[in-house]
Amino acid sequence: METPDHMLSLATISPKALQDVLWAYYLRLIDLRKDRRFKYVLIFKNEGDAAGASLSIPIPVDCAAIVPKL
């Protein structure tokens, strides 16, 4: 979670809080890069019914894709 206050967003949190969120995303990406199976990593935020969210609060998600060798 980016903030314990679910009414806030990346656009409305403090600059320090935004820096902390981006740093956490960066560290997660660095960790996922250590696994050579992953070719692509994507961080996105699933928010709202239109995005297919199953929870009433926005949840950041990271996905890593293993690309098989052909």
PDB file of N, CA and C in Angstrom:
ATOM      1  N   MET A   1       0.834  -1.182   0.000  1.00  0.00           N
ATOM      2  CA  MET A   1       0.000   0.000   0.000  1.00  0.00           C
ATOM      3  C   MET A   1       0.877   1.243   0.000  1.00  0.00           C
ATOM      4  N   GLU A   2       0.460   2.217  -0.720  1.00  0.00           N
ATOM      5  CA  GLU A   2       1.226   3.449  -0.794  1.00  0.00           C
ATOM      6  C   GLU A   2       1.034   4.321   0.438  1.00  0.00           C
ATOM      7  N   THR A   3      -0.142   4.244   1.020  1.00  0.00           N
ATOM      8  CA  THR A   3      -0.464   5.051   2.188  1.00  0.00           C
ATOM      9  C   THR A   3      -1.555   4.344   2.986  1.00  0.00           C
ATOM     10  N   PRO A   4      -1.549   4.478   4.306  1.00  0.00           N
ATOM     11  CA  PRO A   4      -2.625   3.853   5.082  1.00  0.00           C
ATOM     12  C   PRO A   4      -3.975   4.563   4.899  1.00  0.00           C
ATOM     13  N   ASP A   5      -3.954   5.776   4.367  1.00  0.00           N
ATOM     14  CA  ASP A   5      -5.187   6.525   4.110  1.00  0.00           C
ATOM     15  C   ASP A   5      -5.652   6.212   2.689  1.00  0.00           C
ATOM     16  N   HIS A   6      -6.679   5.395   2.554  1.00  0.00           N
ATOM     17  CA  HIS A   6      -7.142   4.935   1.244  1.00  0.00           C
ATOM     18  C   HIS A   6      -7.811   6.022   0.414  1.00  0.00           C
ATOM     19  N   MET A   7      -8.011   7.180   1.006  1.00  0.00           N
ATOM     20  CA  MET A   7      -8.604   8.287   0.261  1.00  0.00           C
ATOM     21  C   MET A   7      -7.533   9.099  -0.475  1.00  0.00           C
ATOM     22  N   LEU A   8      -6.267   8.864  -0.161  1.00  0.00           N
ATOM     23  CA  LEU A   8      -5.187   9.575  -0.829  1.00  0.00           C
ATOM     24  C   LEU A   8      -4.735   8.813  -2.064  1.00  0.00           C
ATOM     25  N   SER A   9      -4.068   9.505  -2.951  1.00  0.00           N
ATOM     26  CA  SER A   9      -3.515   8.887  -4.164  1.00  0.00           C
ATOM     27  C   SER A   9      -2.087   9.372  -4.342  1.00  0.00           C
ATOM     28  N   LEU A  10      -1.401   8.855  -5.343  1.00  0.00           N
ATOM     29  CA  LEU A  10      -0.047   9.316  -5.612  1.00  0.00           C
ATOM     30  C   LEU A  10      -0.024  10.812  -5.913  1.00  0.00           C
ATOM     31  N   ALA A  11      -1.106  11.319  -6.461  1.00  0.00           N
ATOM     32  CA  ALA A  11      -1.177  12.742  -6.792  1.00  0.00           C
ATOM     33  C   ALA A  11      -1.399  13.619  -5.567  1.00  0.00           C
ATOM     34  N   THR A  12      -1.862  13.026  -4.465  1.00  0.00           N
ATOM     35  CA  THR A  12      -2.206  13.856  -3.305  1.00  0.00           C
ATOM     36  C   THR A  12      -1.350  13.588  -2.072  1.00  0.00           C
ATOM     37  N   ILE A  13      -0.449  12.608  -2.125  1.00  0.00           N
ATOM     38  CA  ILE A  13       0.407  12.370  -0.967  1.00  0.00           C
ATOM     39  C   ILE A  13       1.553  13.390  -0.961  1.00  0.00           C
ATOM     40  N   SER A  14       2.228  13.487   0.145  1.00  0.00           N
ATOM     41  CA  SER A  14       3.335  14.442   0.271  1.00  0.00           C
ATOM     42  C   SER A  14       4.490  14.044  -0.651  1.00  0.00           C
ATOM     43  N   PRO A  15       5.319  15.014  -1.013  1.00  0.00           N
ATOM     44  CA  PRO A  15       6.490  14.679  -1.837  1.00  0.00           C
ATOM     45  C   PRO A  15       7.377  13.611  -1.191  1.00  0.00           C
ATOM     46  N   LYS A  16       7.560  13.649   0.115  1.00  0.00           N
ATOM     47  CA  LYS A  16       8.371  12.642   0.814  1.00  0.00           C
ATOM     48  C   LYS A  16       7.725  11.267   0.714  1.00  0.00           C
ATOM     49  N   ALA A  17       6.407  11.201   0.887  1.00  0.00           N
ATOM     50  CA  ALA A  17       5.694   9.924   0.778  1.00  0.00           C
ATOM     51  C   ALA A  17       5.804   9.377  -0.644  1.00  0.00           C
ATOM     52  N   LEU A  18       5.685  10.244  -1.648  1.00  0.00           N
ATOM     53  CA  LEU A  18       5.830   9.815  -3.041  1.00  0.00           C
ATOM     54  C   LEU A  18       7.240   9.285  -3.286  1.00  0.00           C
ATOM     55  N   GLN A  19       8.230   9.965  -2.752  1.00  0.00           N
ATOM     56  CA  GLN A  19       9.611   9.495  -2.870  1.00  0.00           C
ATOM     57  C   GLN A  19       9.759   8.107  -2.250  1.00  0.00           C
ATOM     58  N   ASP A  20       9.151   7.887  -1.096  1.00  0.00           N
ATOM     59  CA  ASP A  20       9.216   6.577  -0.438  1.00  0.00           C
ATOM     60  C   ASP A  20       8.565   5.488  -1.284  1.00  0.00           C
ATOM     61  N   VAL A  21       7.427   5.808  -1.893  1.00  0.00           N
ATOM     62  CA  VAL A  21       6.728   4.837  -2.748  1.00  0.00           C
ATOM     63  C   VAL A  21       7.588   4.477  -3.956  1.00  0.00           C
ATOM     64  N   LEU A  22       8.111   5.488  -4.616  1.00  0.00           N
ATOM     65  CA  LEU A  22       8.929   5.234  -5.798  1.00  0.00           C
ATOM     66  C   LEU A  22      10.201   4.468  -5.432  1.00  0.00           C
ATOM     67  N   TRP A  23      10.774   4.759  -4.283  1.00  0.00           N
ATOM     68  CA  TRP A  23      11.957   4.026  -3.826  1.00  0.00           C
ATOM     69  C   TRP A  23      11.600   2.557  -3.585  1.00  0.00           C
ATOM     70  N   ALA A  24      10.447   2.305  -2.972  1.00  0.00           N
ATOM     71  CA  ALA A  24      10.007   0.921  -2.735  1.00  0.00           C
ATOM     72  C   ALA A  24       9.804   0.182  -4.061  1.00  0.00           C
ATOM     73  N   TYR A  25       9.193   0.852  -5.049  1.00  0.00           N
ATOM     74  CA  TYR A  25       9.024   0.235  -6.367  1.00  0.00           C
ATOM     75  C   TYR A  25      10.387  -0.079  -6.983  1.00  0.00           C
ATOM     76  N   TYR A  26      11.310   0.851  -6.887  1.00  0.00           N
ATOM     77  CA  TYR A  26      12.652   0.670  -7.433  1.00  0.00           C
ATOM     78  C   TYR A  26      13.338  -0.538  -6.794  1.00  0.00           C
ATOM     79  N   LEU A  27      13.277  -0.627  -5.471  1.00  0.00           N
ATOM     80  CA  LEU A  27      13.916  -1.751  -4.780  1.00  0.00           C
ATOM     81  C   LEU A  27      13.283  -3.076  -5.174  1.00  0.00           C
ATOM     82  N   ARG A  28      11.979  -3.079  -5.375  1.00  0.00           N
ATOM     83  CA  ARG A  28      11.293  -4.305  -5.816  1.00  0.00           C
ATOM     84  C   ARG A  28      11.758  -4.705  -7.212  1.00  0.00           C
ATOM     85  N   LEU A  29      11.881  -3.730  -8.106  1.00  0.00           N
ATOM     86  CA  LEU A  29      12.359  -4.021  -9.455  1.00  0.00           C
ATOM     87  C   LEU A  29      13.787  -4.555  -9.436  1.00  0.00           C
ATOM     88  N   ILE A  30      14.638  -3.957  -8.621  1.00  0.00           N
ATOM     89  CA  ILE A  30      16.017  -4.429  -8.505  1.00  0.00           C
ATOM     90  C   ILE A  30      16.044  -5.884  -8.026  1.00  0.00           C
ATOM     91  N   ASP A  31      15.192  -6.197  -7.051  1.00  0.00           N
ATOM     92  CA  ASP A  31      15.130  -7.564  -6.544  1.00  0.00           C
ATOM     93  C   ASP A  31      14.651  -8.537  -7.622  1.00  0.00           C
ATOM     94  N   LEU A  32      13.627  -8.156  -8.374  1.00  0.00           N
ATOM     95  CA  LEU A  32      13.117  -9.037  -9.424  1.00  0.00           C
ATOM     96  C   LEU A  32      14.132  -9.220 -10.550  1.00  0.00           C
ATOM     97  N   ARG A  33      14.967  -8.233 -10.808  1.00  0.00           N
ATOM     98  CA  ARG A  33      15.982  -8.351 -11.862  1.00  0.00           C
ATOM     99  C   ARG A  33      17.018  -9.417 -11.541  1.00  0.00           C
ATOM    100  N   LYS A  34      17.160  -9.774 -10.288  1.00  0.00           N
ATOM    101  CA  LYS A  34      18.120 -10.803  -9.899  1.00  0.00           C
ATOM    102  C   LYS A  34      17.709 -12.180 -10.405  1.00  0.00           C
ATOM    103  N   ASP A  35      16.435 -12.366 -10.663  1.00  0.00           N
ATOM    104  CA  ASP A  35      15.931 -13.636 -11.168  1.00  0.00           C
ATOM    105  C   ASP A  35      16.008 -13.602 -12.691  1.00  0.00           C
ATOM    106  N   ARG A  36      16.944 -14.314 -13.258  1.00  0.00           N
ATOM    107  CA  ARG A  36      17.195 -14.281 -14.698  1.00  0.00           C
ATOM    108  C   ARG A  36      16.043 -14.840 -15.528  1.00  0.00           C
ATOM    109  N   ARG A  37      15.093 -15.514 -14.895  1.00  0.00           N
ATOM    110  CA  ARG A  37      13.952 -16.035 -15.650  1.00  0.00           C
ATOM    111  C   ARG A  37      13.049 -14.914 -16.137  1.00  0.00           C
ATOM    112  N   PHE A  38      13.059 -13.785 -15.442  1.00  0.00           N
ATOM    113  CA  PHE A  38      12.150 -12.688 -15.775  1.00  0.00           C
ATOM    114  C   PHE A  38      12.772 -11.784 -16.829  1.00  0.00           C
ATOM    115  N   LYS A  39      12.062 -11.627 -17.926  1.00  0.00           N
ATOM    116  CA  LYS A  39      12.528 -10.728 -18.984  1.00  0.00           C
ATOM    117  C   LYS A  39      11.878  -9.355 -18.853  1.00  0.00           C
ATOM    118  N   TYR A  40      10.643  -9.309 -18.427  1.00  0.00           N
ATOM    119  CA  TYR A  40       9.908  -8.051 -18.300  1.00  0.00           C
ATOM    120  C   TYR A  40       9.272  -7.969 -16.923  1.00  0.00           C
ATOM    121  N   VAL A  41       9.254  -6.768 -16.365  1.00  0.00           N
ATOM    122  CA  VAL A  41       8.578  -6.520 -15.098  1.00  0.00           C
ATOM    123  C   VAL A  41       7.739  -5.262 -15.271  1.00  0.00           C
ATOM    124  N   LEU A  42       6.531  -5.306 -14.770  1.00  0.00           N
ATOM    125  CA  LEU A  42       5.612  -4.178 -14.879  1.00  0.00           C
ATOM    126  C   LEU A  42       4.999  -3.927 -13.513  1.00  0.00           C
ATOM    127  N   ILE A  43       5.008  -2.684 -13.088  1.00  0.00           N
ATOM    128  CA  ILE A  43       4.293  -2.293 -11.869  1.00  0.00           C
ATOM    129  C   ILE A  43       3.118  -1.437 -12.308  1.00  0.00           C
ATOM    130  N   PHE A  44       1.936  -1.788 -11.851  1.00  0.00           N
ATOM    131  CA  PHE A  44       0.751  -1.019 -12.190  1.00  0.00           C
ATOM    132  C   PHE A  44      -0.166  -0.964 -10.989  1.00  0.00           C
ATOM    133  N   LYS A  45      -1.173  -0.124 -11.076  1.00  0.00           N
ATOM    134  CA  LYS A  45      -2.125   0.034  -9.986  1.00  0.00           C
ATOM    135  C   LYS A  45      -3.508  -0.332 -10.506  1.00  0.00           C
ATOM    136  N   ASN A  46      -4.082  -1.351  -9.899  1.00  0.00           N
ATOM    137  CA  ASN A  46      -5.409  -1.825 -10.269  1.00  0.00           C
ATOM    138  C   ASN A  46      -6.423  -1.091  -9.397  1.00  0.00           C
ATOM    139  N   GLU A  47      -7.152  -0.157  -9.990  1.00  0.00           N
ATOM    140  CA  GLU A  47      -8.050   0.700  -9.210  1.00  0.00           C
ATOM    141  C   GLU A  47      -9.412   0.820  -9.892  1.00  0.00           C
ATOM    142  N   GLY A  48     -10.447   0.413  -9.187  1.00  0.00           N
ATOM    143  CA  GLY A  48     -11.799   0.594  -9.681  1.00  0.00           C
ATOM    144  C   GLY A  48     -12.337  -0.576 -10.480  1.00  0.00           C
ATOM    145  N   ASP A  49     -13.649  -0.606 -10.596  1.00  0.00           N
ATOM    146  CA  ASP A  49     -14.325  -1.682 -11.323  1.00  0.00           C
ATOM    147  C   ASP A  49     -13.894  -1.764 -12.787  1.00  0.00           C
ATOM    148  N   ALA A  50     -13.707  -0.612 -13.418  1.00  0.00           N
ATOM    149  CA  ALA A  50     -13.344  -0.603 -14.840  1.00  0.00           C
ATOM    150  C   ALA A  50     -11.988  -1.258 -15.073  1.00  0.00           C
ATOM    151  N   ALA A  51     -11.129  -1.225 -14.064  1.00  0.00           N
ATOM    152  CA  ALA A  51      -9.809  -1.847 -14.188  1.00  0.00           C
ATOM    153  C   ALA A  51      -9.832  -3.309 -13.775  1.00  0.00           C
ATOM    154  N   GLY A  52     -10.981  -3.780 -13.340  1.00  0.00           N
ATOM    155  CA  GLY A  52     -11.099  -5.169 -12.933  1.00  0.00           C
ATOM    156  C   GLY A  52     -10.707  -5.423 -11.493  1.00  0.00           C
ATOM    157  N   ALA A  53     -10.664  -4.360 -10.703  1.00  0.00           N
ATOM    158  CA  ALA A  53     -10.289  -4.515  -9.292  1.00  0.00           C
ATOM    159  C   ALA A  53     -11.347  -5.318  -8.550  1.00  0.00           C
ATOM    160  N   SER A  54     -10.883  -6.263  -7.751  1.00  0.00           N
ATOM    161  CA  SER A  54     -11.813  -7.076  -6.964  1.00  0.00           C
ATOM    162  C   SER A  54     -11.955  -6.546  -5.540  1.00  0.00           C
ATOM    163  N   LEU A  55     -11.091  -5.603  -5.160  1.00  0.00           N
ATOM    164  CA  LEU A  55     -11.159  -4.996  -3.834  1.00  0.00           C
ATOM    165  C   LEU A  55     -11.614  -3.554  -3.964  1.00  0.00           C
ATOM    166  N   SER A  56     -12.161  -3.014  -2.890  1.00  0.00           N
ATOM    167  CA  SER A  56     -12.663  -1.644  -2.944  1.00  0.00           C
ATOM    168  C   SER A  56     -11.560  -0.608  -2.767  1.00  0.00           C
ATOM    169  N   ILE A  57     -10.345  -1.041  -2.459  1.00  0.00           N
ATOM    170  CA  ILE A  57      -9.232  -0.112  -2.311  1.00  0.00           C
ATOM    171  C   ILE A  57      -8.223  -0.356  -3.422  1.00  0.00           C
ATOM    172  N   PRO A  58      -7.522   0.700  -3.877  1.00  0.00           N
ATOM    173  CA  PRO A  58      -6.529   0.514  -4.934  1.00  0.00           C
ATOM    174  C   PRO A  58      -5.341  -0.297  -4.427  1.00  0.00           C
ATOM    175  N   ILE A  59      -4.850  -1.202  -5.242  1.00  0.00           N
ATOM    176  CA  ILE A  59      -3.738  -2.065  -4.872  1.00  0.00           C
ATOM    177  C   ILE A  59      -2.655  -1.980  -5.956  1.00  0.00           C
ATOM    178  N   PRO A  60      -1.423  -1.578  -5.587  1.00  0.00           N
ATOM    179  CA  PRO A  60      -0.344  -1.655  -6.569  1.00  0.00           C
ATOM    180  C   PRO A  60       0.050  -3.122  -6.780  1.00  0.00           C
ATOM    181  N   VAL A  61       0.382  -3.462  -7.997  1.00  0.00           N
ATOM    182  CA  VAL A  61       0.693  -4.848  -8.343  1.00  0.00           C
ATOM    183  C   VAL A  61       1.994  -4.855  -9.150  1.00  0.00           C
ATOM    184  N   ASP A  62       2.807  -5.878  -8.922  1.00  0.00           N
ATOM    185  CA  ASP A  62       3.940  -6.068  -9.819  1.00  0.00           C
ATOM    186  C   ASP A  62       3.790  -7.417 -10.503  1.00  0.00           C
ATOM    187  N   CYS A  63       4.142  -7.445 -11.769  1.00  0.00           N
ATOM    188  CA  CYS A  63       4.081  -8.672 -12.562  1.00  0.00           C
ATOM    189  C   CYS A  63       5.432  -8.871 -13.224  1.00  0.00           C
ATOM    190  N   ALA A  64       5.880 -10.092 -13.211  1.00  0.00           N
ATOM    191  CA  ALA A  64       7.126 -10.444 -13.898  1.00  0.00           C
ATOM    192  C   ALA A  64       6.817 -11.558 -14.880  1.00  0.00           C
ATOM    193  N   ALA A  65       7.302 -11.409 -16.092  1.00  0.00           N
ATOM    194  CA  ALA A  65       7.010 -12.377 -17.143  1.00  0.00           C
ATOM    195  C   ALA A  65       8.233 -13.208 -17.482  1.00  0.00           C
ATOM    196  N   ILE A  66       8.018 -14.518 -17.494  1.00  0.00           N
ATOM    197  CA  ILE A  66       9.039 -15.442 -17.949  1.00  0.00           C
ATOM    198  C   ILE A  66       8.800 -15.671 -19.439  1.00  0.00           C
ATOM    199  N   VAL A  67       9.795 -15.386 -20.247  1.00  0.00           N
ATOM    200  CA  VAL A  67       9.674 -15.559 -21.687  1.00  0.00           C
ATOM    201  C   VAL A  67      10.435 -16.813 -22.069  1.00  0.00           C
ATOM    202  N   PRO A  68       9.717 -17.838 -22.555  1.00  0.00           N
ATOM    203  CA  PRO A  68      10.402 -19.077 -22.914  1.00  0.00           C
ATOM    204  C   PRO A  68      11.284 -18.894 -24.153  1.00  0.00           C
ATOM    205  N   LYS A  69      12.361 -19.642 -24.176  1.00  0.00           N
ATOM    206  CA  LYS A  69      13.244 -19.621 -25.367  1.00  0.00           C
ATOM    207  C   LYS A  69      12.623 -20.531 -26.412  1.00  0.00           C
ATOM    208  N   LEU A  70      12.565 -20.050 -27.625  1.00  0.00           N
ATOM    209  CA  LEU A  70      11.986 -20.826 -28.734  1.00  0.00           C
ATOM    210  C   LEU A  70      13.081 -21.461 -29.562  1.00  0.00           C
TER     211      LEU A  70
END
